[in-house]
């Protein structure tokens, strides 16, 4: 088991890193194998406590260093990132460890700005710790549960689209986008393969106006129960980031029922570019699920019986509950990186339609067992 320390674990990329490492451990648990990672997470406050730092780093074989400051007065930003790096370097020395450090650097490190200088100097400090060192150059990061109106244009646009607002947009602006999960996957792979030196995960360059218009289309179509074409992995990541922002109040979504003397007809799923649909019956009192996905777009639609769908953000505590019934079909779409379950709370068999945007791959199922109710 490899002890791996994640700094800045409360931030976007830090949480995604913790969730991915947790997923690997969940997969091992399900198979009855030894967990690959002993995960230790550190928030910013930990850097003010020598004992916490020492205990976390003792025996550490790798550090994913995502802690940093990018939103503060210029002087504070310029001083903060090198200071955090120095604290980490000194703590490694005190704990007599030389872990493989993967540093979340920035494309701005080449610029002569307070933030650019601070990121560049912090990297120079970490490269001298003595172990393996990977300088991961990151562009704009987006992903599920990003904070809007806080130095994240994608999350800010998603928030505006959901609220029906139109922010001021530079018509000539461009942004290079990388999903947090892809950045984290590259960092973890660097540690597991021993990759050192400069690492630049492949990003998607888009016009800022195009980004906003894409999100607008997502929202308009999704309100009409239409999924976008999900053949492109970048589109899936962007759509999943948008969907996660709709929780917890955006579901269930009542469907239009067309009823006459013959019975009732309704549309269960539209769009998506293909995928897989299946039905299941569940006995009274039985719970299905208790797992989460990293990429999969998945819909639960009860068509007969009564159920409670429960969803919890991975590594979080709050559980959202949605009571649904086949009498008034209303889908609940599972957000990625949120563990979920469905319980038959009626006294007859529950009939549920499930839809996913891709075909099930038994070799790479993208399904990680993790109980919703701890």
Protein backbone atom coordinates (compact mmCIF):
# COMPACT_ATOMS: atom_id res chain seq x y z
CA UNK A 1 0.00 0.00 0.00
CA UNK A 2 1.36 3.38 -1.05
CA UNK A 3 0.90 6.32 1.34
CA UNK A 4 -0.11 9.28 -0.79
CA UNK A 5 -0.67 12.77 0.60
CA UNK A 6 -3.07 15.17 -1.11
CA UNK A 7 -2.65 18.84 -0.23
CA UNK A 8 -5.39 21.37 -0.89
CA UNK A 9 -7.89 18.55 -0.51
CA UNK A 10 -10.80 20.95 0.04
CA UNK A 11 -10.26 22.59 -3.35
CA UNK A 12 -11.63 21.46 -6.71
CA UNK A 13 -8.65 19.47 -7.96
CA UNK A 14 -7.78 18.24 -4.47
CA UNK A 15 -11.29 16.84 -3.94
CA UNK A 16 -11.24 15.18 -7.36
CA UNK A 17 -7.86 13.63 -6.47
CA UNK A 18 -9.16 12.31 -3.17
CA UNK A 19 -12.27 10.94 -4.89
CA UNK A 20 -10.24 9.13 -7.59
CA UNK A 21 -7.90 7.57 -5.07
CA UNK A 22 -10.92 6.57 -2.99
CA UNK A 23 -12.43 4.98 -6.12
CA UNK A 24 -9.31 2.85 -6.58
CA UNK A 25 -9.59 1.68 -2.98
CA UNK A 26 -13.31 0.95 -3.42
CA UNK A 27 -12.54 -1.19 -6.48
CA UNK A 28 -9.95 -3.14 -4.51
CA UNK A 29 -12.39 -3.66 -1.62
CA UNK A 30 -15.01 -5.01 -4.02
CA UNK A 31 -12.52 -7.52 -5.44
CA UNK A 32 -11.25 -8.53 -1.99
CA UNK A 33 -7.79 -7.18 -2.78
CA UNK A 34 -5.44 -5.00 -0.76
CA UNK A 35 -6.14 -1.29 -1.06
CA UNK A 36 -3.52 0.39 -3.27
CA UNK A 37 -3.50 3.70 -1.40
CA UNK A 38 -3.23 4.94 2.16
CA UNK A 39 -4.73 8.38 1.54
CA UNK A 40 -3.87 11.34 3.75
CA UNK A 41 -5.54 14.67 2.97
CA UNK A 42 -4.36 18.09 4.09
CA UNK A 43 -6.21 21.39 3.94
CA UNK A 44 -4.60 24.83 4.13
CA UNK A 45 -4.86 24.92 7.93
CA UNK A 46 -2.60 21.86 8.16
CA UNK A 47 0.35 23.96 6.97
CA UNK A 48 0.16 25.93 10.22
CA UNK A 49 0.54 22.82 12.37
CA UNK A 50 3.94 21.10 12.55
CA UNK A 51 2.56 17.97 14.19
CA UNK A 52 -0.18 17.50 11.58
CA UNK A 53 2.31 17.92 8.75
CA UNK A 54 4.83 15.55 10.33
CA UNK A 55 2.27 12.83 10.97
CA UNK A 56 0.87 13.12 7.46
CA UNK A 57 4.25 12.93 5.74
CA UNK A 58 5.79 10.20 7.86
CA UNK A 59 6.19 7.22 5.57
CA UNK A 60 4.71 9.10 2.61
CA UNK A 61 5.82 7.83 -0.78
CA UNK A 62 4.05 10.46 -2.84
CA UNK A 63 2.57 13.94 -2.50
CA UNK A 64 0.03 15.42 -4.88
CA UNK A 65 0.55 19.10 -4.14
CA UNK A 66 -2.57 21.05 -5.05
CA UNK A 67 -2.58 23.54 -2.17
CA UNK A 68 -2.05 27.12 -3.21
CA UNK A 69 -3.36 30.67 -3.35
CA UNK A 70 -4.59 32.26 -6.55
CA UNK A 71 -7.15 34.78 -5.35
CA UNK A 72 -5.83 37.45 -2.98
CA UNK A 73 -4.00 40.81 -3.11
CA UNK A 74 -0.93 40.58 -5.38
CA UNK A 75 1.60 40.72 -2.54
CA UNK A 76 -0.16 37.94 -0.65
CA UNK A 77 -0.38 35.71 -3.73
CA UNK A 78 3.28 36.24 -4.56
CA UNK A 79 4.39 35.28 -1.06
CA UNK A 80 1.90 32.53 -0.27
CA UNK A 81 2.69 29.83 -2.81
CA UNK A 82 6.47 29.77 -2.19
CA UNK A 83 5.77 29.83 1.55
CA UNK A 84 3.47 26.80 1.32
CA UNK A 85 6.03 24.96 -0.80
CA UNK A 86 8.79 25.78 1.71
CA UNK A 87 6.67 24.49 4.58
CA UNK A 88 6.11 21.24 2.69
CA UNK A 89 9.81 20.88 1.85
CA UNK A 90 10.86 21.48 5.47
CA UNK A 91 8.23 19.06 6.75
CA UNK A 92 9.53 16.35 4.40
CA UNK A 93 13.04 16.90 5.73
CA UNK A 94 11.83 16.77 9.33
CA UNK A 95 9.97 13.52 8.62
CA UNK A 96 13.07 12.16 6.80
CA UNK A 97 11.11 11.34 3.64
CA UNK A 98 11.74 12.12 -0.02
CA UNK A 99 8.36 11.43 -1.62
CA UNK A 100 7.57 11.68 -5.30
CA UNK A 101 6.03 15.15 -5.52
CA UNK A 102 3.60 15.98 -8.28
CA UNK A 103 3.16 19.74 -8.29
CA UNK A 104 0.08 21.36 -9.82
CA UNK A 105 1.82 24.19 -11.59
CA UNK A 106 0.17 26.63 -13.98
CA UNK A 107 0.55 27.83 -17.54
CA UNK A 108 0.88 31.27 -15.91
CA UNK A 109 4.19 30.26 -14.33
CA UNK A 110 5.99 31.50 -17.44
CA UNK A 111 4.53 34.99 -17.04
CA UNK A 112 6.07 37.86 -15.09
CA UNK A 113 3.10 38.43 -12.80
CA UNK A 114 2.74 38.02 -9.02
CA UNK A 115 0.85 34.76 -9.50
CA UNK A 116 3.17 33.51 -12.23
CA UNK A 117 6.30 34.24 -10.20
CA UNK A 118 4.82 32.64 -7.09
CA UNK A 119 3.96 29.41 -8.92
CA UNK A 120 7.36 29.27 -10.61
CA UNK A 121 9.31 29.82 -7.37
CA UNK A 122 7.17 27.28 -5.50
CA UNK A 123 8.04 24.70 -8.15
CA UNK A 124 11.75 25.45 -7.81
CA UNK A 125 11.50 24.89 -4.05
CA UNK A 126 9.71 21.56 -4.41
CA UNK A 127 12.10 20.30 -7.06
CA UNK A 128 14.88 20.40 -4.46
CA UNK A 129 13.21 18.15 -1.87
CA UNK A 130 15.32 15.22 -3.06
CA UNK A 131 12.88 12.65 -4.37
CA UNK A 132 11.21 12.28 -7.73
CA UNK A 133 9.57 15.47 -8.98
CA UNK A 134 6.87 16.02 -11.62
CA UNK A 135 6.05 19.55 -12.72
CA UNK A 136 2.47 19.29 -14.01
CA UNK A 137 1.55 22.38 -16.03
CA UNK A 138 -2.19 22.95 -15.87
CA UNK A 139 -4.49 25.25 -17.84
CA UNK A 140 -7.99 26.27 -16.69
CA UNK A 141 -9.47 23.41 -14.65
CA UNK A 142 -13.19 22.68 -14.63
CA UNK A 143 -15.25 19.90 -13.14
CA UNK A 144 -18.07 18.74 -10.93
CA UNK A 145 -18.62 20.83 -7.78
CA UNK A 146 -16.41 23.74 -8.87
CA UNK A 147 -17.16 26.98 -7.10
CA UNK A 148 -18.81 29.66 -9.28
CA UNK A 149 -17.79 33.31 -9.19
CA UNK A 150 -14.42 32.36 -7.75
CA UNK A 151 -11.72 32.25 -10.37
CA UNK A 152 -13.42 29.51 -12.40
CA UNK A 153 -14.99 30.69 -15.64
CA UNK A 154 -16.70 27.38 -16.45
CA UNK A 155 -18.41 27.13 -13.05
CA UNK A 156 -19.38 30.80 -13.27
CA UNK A 157 -20.92 30.29 -16.71
CA UNK A 158 -22.79 27.17 -15.53
CA UNK A 159 -24.21 29.10 -12.60
CA UNK A 160 -25.28 31.96 -14.88
CA UNK A 161 -26.92 29.62 -17.40
CA UNK A 162 -28.95 27.88 -14.68
CA UNK A 163 -30.08 31.25 -13.31
CA UNK A 164 -30.91 32.57 -16.78
CA UNK A 165 -28.26 35.29 -16.63
CA UNK A 166 -25.86 36.50 -19.33
CA UNK A 167 -22.48 37.65 -18.01
CA UNK A 168 -20.21 40.07 -19.82
CA UNK A 169 -18.08 38.03 -22.22
CA UNK A 170 -15.03 39.06 -24.21
CA UNK A 171 -16.05 38.08 -27.77
CA UNK A 172 -12.39 37.48 -28.67
CA UNK A 173 -11.45 35.58 -25.52
CA UNK A 174 -10.23 31.99 -25.53
CA UNK A 175 -9.62 29.49 -22.76
CA UNK A 176 -7.75 26.18 -22.56
CA UNK A 177 -9.89 23.69 -20.62
CA UNK A 178 -8.96 20.52 -18.76
CA UNK A 179 -11.34 18.45 -16.65
CA UNK A 180 -10.18 18.04 -13.05
CA UNK A 181 -10.54 14.27 -13.37
CA UNK A 182 -8.16 14.18 -16.34
CA UNK A 183 -5.62 16.32 -14.49
CA UNK A 184 -5.84 14.06 -11.45
CA UNK A 185 -5.60 10.89 -13.55
CA UNK A 186 -2.36 12.24 -15.05
CA UNK A 187 -0.99 13.05 -11.59
CA UNK A 188 -1.82 9.60 -10.19
CA UNK A 189 -0.35 7.90 -13.26
CA UNK A 190 2.86 9.90 -12.80
CA UNK A 191 3.15 8.56 -9.27
CA UNK A 192 2.33 4.94 -10.15
CA UNK A 193 4.68 4.88 -13.15
CA UNK A 194 7.43 7.04 -11.66
CA UNK A 195 7.15 9.68 -14.40
CA UNK A 196 9.22 12.79 -13.69
CA UNK A 197 9.98 16.08 -15.41
CA UNK A 198 7.45 18.38 -17.06
CA UNK A 199 3.98 16.99 -17.67
CA UNK A 200 1.38 18.81 -19.77
CA UNK A 201 -1.99 17.00 -19.86
CA UNK A 202 -3.79 17.60 -23.14
CA UNK A 203 -6.39 20.36 -22.91
CA UNK A 204 -9.18 21.65 -25.18
CA UNK A 205 -8.81 25.19 -26.51
CA UNK A 206 -12.19 26.90 -27.02
CA UNK A 207 -13.55 30.40 -27.53
CA UNK A 208 -15.06 31.78 -24.33
CA UNK A 209 -18.25 32.71 -26.19
CA UNK A 210 -18.46 29.17 -27.62
CA UNK A 211 -18.14 27.73 -24.11
CA UNK A 212 -21.03 29.83 -22.85
CA UNK A 213 -23.21 29.02 -25.85
CA UNK A 214 -22.52 25.29 -25.42
CA UNK A 215 -23.64 25.47 -21.81
CA UNK A 216 -26.74 27.41 -22.85
CA UNK A 217 -27.62 24.63 -25.31
CA UNK A 218 -27.08 22.01 -22.63
CA UNK A 219 -29.50 23.80 -20.35
CA UNK A 220 -32.19 24.55 -22.91
CA UNK A 221 -32.24 20.99 -24.25
CA UNK A 222 -32.00 19.36 -20.83
CA UNK A 223 -35.04 21.31 -19.67
CA UNK A 224 -36.81 19.70 -22.64
CA UNK A 225 -35.57 16.25 -21.55
CA UNK A 226 -33.00 16.04 -24.36
CA UNK A 227 -29.42 14.88 -23.78
CA UNK A 228 -26.61 16.20 -26.00
CA UNK A 229 -24.59 13.89 -28.23
CA UNK A 230 -22.21 12.28 -25.73
CA UNK A 231 -19.78 10.60 -28.14
CA UNK A 232 -17.01 13.10 -27.29
CA UNK A 233 -15.29 12.66 -23.91
CA UNK A 234 -14.79 16.40 -23.44
CA UNK A 235 -18.52 16.98 -24.00
CA UNK A 236 -19.31 14.29 -21.43
CA UNK A 237 -17.04 15.97 -18.87
CA UNK A 238 -18.53 19.40 -19.52
CA UNK A 239 -22.09 18.07 -19.42
CA UNK A 240 -21.41 16.20 -16.18
CA UNK A 241 -20.02 19.41 -14.66
CA UNK A 242 -23.22 21.22 -15.67
CA UNK A 243 -25.47 18.42 -14.35
CA UNK A 244 -23.76 18.33 -10.96
CA UNK A 245 -24.59 22.00 -10.45
CA UNK A 246 -28.33 21.22 -10.72
CA UNK A 247 -28.30 19.29 -7.46
CA UNK A 248 -29.90 18.98 -5.01
CA UNK A 249 -32.97 20.95 -6.12
CA UNK A 250 -33.17 20.16 -9.85
CA UNK A 251 -34.72 16.69 -9.45
CA UNK A 252 -36.95 14.71 -9.81
CA UNK A 253 -38.09 16.00 -13.23
CA UNK A 254 -41.76 15.32 -13.96
CA UNK A 255 -42.43 14.04 -17.49
CA UNK A 256 -45.26 15.03 -19.80
CA UNK A 257 -47.83 12.24 -19.66
CA UNK A 258 -50.04 11.63 -22.70
CA UNK A 259 -53.11 9.89 -21.32
CA UNK A 260 -56.29 8.75 -23.03
CA UNK A 261 -58.73 5.85 -22.76
CA UNK A 262 -56.07 3.40 -23.91
CA UNK A 263 -53.61 4.31 -21.16
CA UNK A 264 -50.56 6.56 -20.80
CA UNK A 265 -47.52 7.24 -22.98
CA UNK A 266 -44.44 9.27 -22.07
CA UNK A 267 -40.90 9.79 -23.39
CA UNK A 268 -38.29 8.29 -21.07
CA UNK A 269 -35.03 9.43 -22.70
CA UNK A 270 -34.19 11.53 -25.75
CA UNK A 271 -30.80 12.11 -27.37
CA UNK A 272 -27.49 11.11 -25.90
CA UNK A 273 -26.17 9.55 -29.08
CA UNK A 274 -26.95 5.94 -28.17
CA UNK A 275 -26.17 4.17 -24.93
CA UNK A 276 -27.88 1.32 -23.13
CA UNK A 277 -31.36 0.91 -21.64
CA UNK A 278 -32.38 -1.84 -19.25
CA UNK A 279 -35.18 -2.65 -16.82
CA UNK A 280 -35.05 -4.22 -13.38
CA UNK A 281 -37.49 -5.41 -10.78
CA UNK A 282 -36.72 -4.95 -7.10
CA UNK A 283 -38.48 -6.70 -4.21
CA UNK A 284 -40.02 -4.63 -1.39
CA UNK A 285 -37.45 -3.41 1.12
CA UNK A 286 -34.50 -4.17 -1.19
CA UNK A 287 -31.89 -1.53 -2.13
CA UNK A 288 -29.93 -1.47 -5.38
CA UNK A 289 -26.89 0.60 -6.28
CA UNK A 290 -24.69 1.95 -3.48
CA UNK A 291 -22.00 2.90 -5.98
CA UNK A 292 -20.69 5.90 -7.93
CA UNK A 293 -19.29 6.62 -11.38
CA UNK A 294 -16.48 8.83 -12.66
CA UNK A 295 -17.86 9.42 -16.17
CA UNK A 296 -21.13 7.60 -16.72
CA UNK A 297 -24.31 9.58 -17.41
CA UNK A 298 -27.10 7.55 -15.84
CA UNK A 299 -30.88 7.97 -15.49
CA UNK A 300 -33.17 6.25 -12.98
CA UNK A 301 -36.87 6.24 -13.92
CA UNK A 302 -39.39 4.35 -11.78
CA UNK A 303 -42.29 3.17 -13.97
CA UNK A 304 -44.13 1.03 -11.44
CA UNK A 305 -44.11 1.02 -7.65
CA UNK A 306 -42.65 3.39 -5.08
CA UNK A 307 -39.00 4.10 -4.30
CA UNK A 308 -36.59 6.39 -2.50
CA UNK A 309 -33.47 7.40 -4.42
CA UNK A 310 -30.58 8.53 -2.24
CA UNK A 311 -27.50 10.46 -3.39
CA UNK A 312 -24.39 11.52 -1.48
CA UNK A 313 -21.39 13.43 -2.75
CA UNK A 314 -18.35 11.14 -2.62
CA UNK A 315 -16.44 11.67 0.65
CA UNK A 316 -19.27 13.89 1.94
CA UNK A 317 -21.89 13.30 4.63
CA UNK A 318 -25.09 14.96 3.44
CA UNK A 319 -27.59 12.58 1.83
CA UNK A 320 -30.26 13.83 -0.59
CA UNK A 321 -33.47 11.82 -0.80
CA UNK A 322 -35.94 11.76 -3.70
CA UNK A 323 -39.24 9.91 -3.37
CA UNK A 324 -40.56 8.73 -6.72
CA UNK A 325 -43.46 6.65 -7.96
CA UNK A 326 -44.55 5.00 -11.18
CA UNK A 327 -47.90 6.79 -10.90
CA UNK A 328 -46.20 10.06 -11.87
CA UNK A 329 -42.93 9.07 -13.62
CA UNK A 330 -40.14 11.56 -12.91
CA UNK A 331 -36.50 10.69 -13.66
CA UNK A 332 -33.56 11.35 -11.39
CA UNK A 333 -30.22 11.49 -13.20
CA UNK A 334 -27.21 10.40 -11.17
CA UNK A 335 -24.45 13.03 -10.94
CA UNK A 336 -20.94 11.71 -11.43
CA UNK A 337 -18.74 11.46 -8.31
CA UNK A 338 -21.87 11.02 -6.20
CA UNK A 339 -22.70 7.61 -4.75
CA UNK A 340 -26.35 6.62 -5.17
CA UNK A 341 -28.93 3.97 -4.40
CA UNK A 342 -32.60 3.14 -4.99
CA UNK A 343 -34.77 1.41 -2.37
CA UNK A 344 -38.16 -0.17 -2.98
CA UNK A 345 -40.30 1.52 -0.32
CA UNK A 346 -43.60 0.09 -1.58
CA UNK A 347 -45.32 -3.21 -0.91
CA UNK A 348 -45.17 -4.51 -4.51
CA UNK A 349 -42.33 -5.17 -6.93
CA UNK A 350 -40.58 -2.03 -8.14
CA UNK A 351 -40.03 -1.69 -11.90
CA UNK A 352 -37.27 0.74 -12.85
CA UNK A 353 -35.91 1.83 -16.21
CA UNK A 354 -32.18 2.60 -16.23
CA UNK A 355 -30.40 4.40 -19.06
CA UNK A 356 -26.68 5.09 -19.49
CA UNK A 357 -24.93 6.99 -22.26
CA UNK A 358 -22.42 4.20 -22.96
CA UNK A 359 -22.37 0.42 -23.19
CA UNK A 360 -21.38 -1.51 -20.10
CA UNK A 361 -17.74 -2.60 -20.24
CA UNK A 362 -17.03 -5.44 -17.78
CA UNK A 363 -13.29 -4.77 -18.04
CA UNK A 364 -13.70 -1.09 -17.17
CA UNK A 365 -17.16 -0.81 -15.58
CA UNK A 366 -16.71 2.71 -14.14
CA UNK A 367 -18.65 1.53 -11.08
CA UNK A 368 -17.26 1.85 -7.55
CA UNK A 369 -19.06 0.31 -4.60
CA UNK A 370 -19.61 2.87 -1.84
CA UNK A 371 -22.65 2.82 0.45
CA UNK A 372 -24.75 5.97 0.46
CA UNK A 373 -25.79 5.54 4.08
CA UNK A 374 -22.58 5.17 6.04
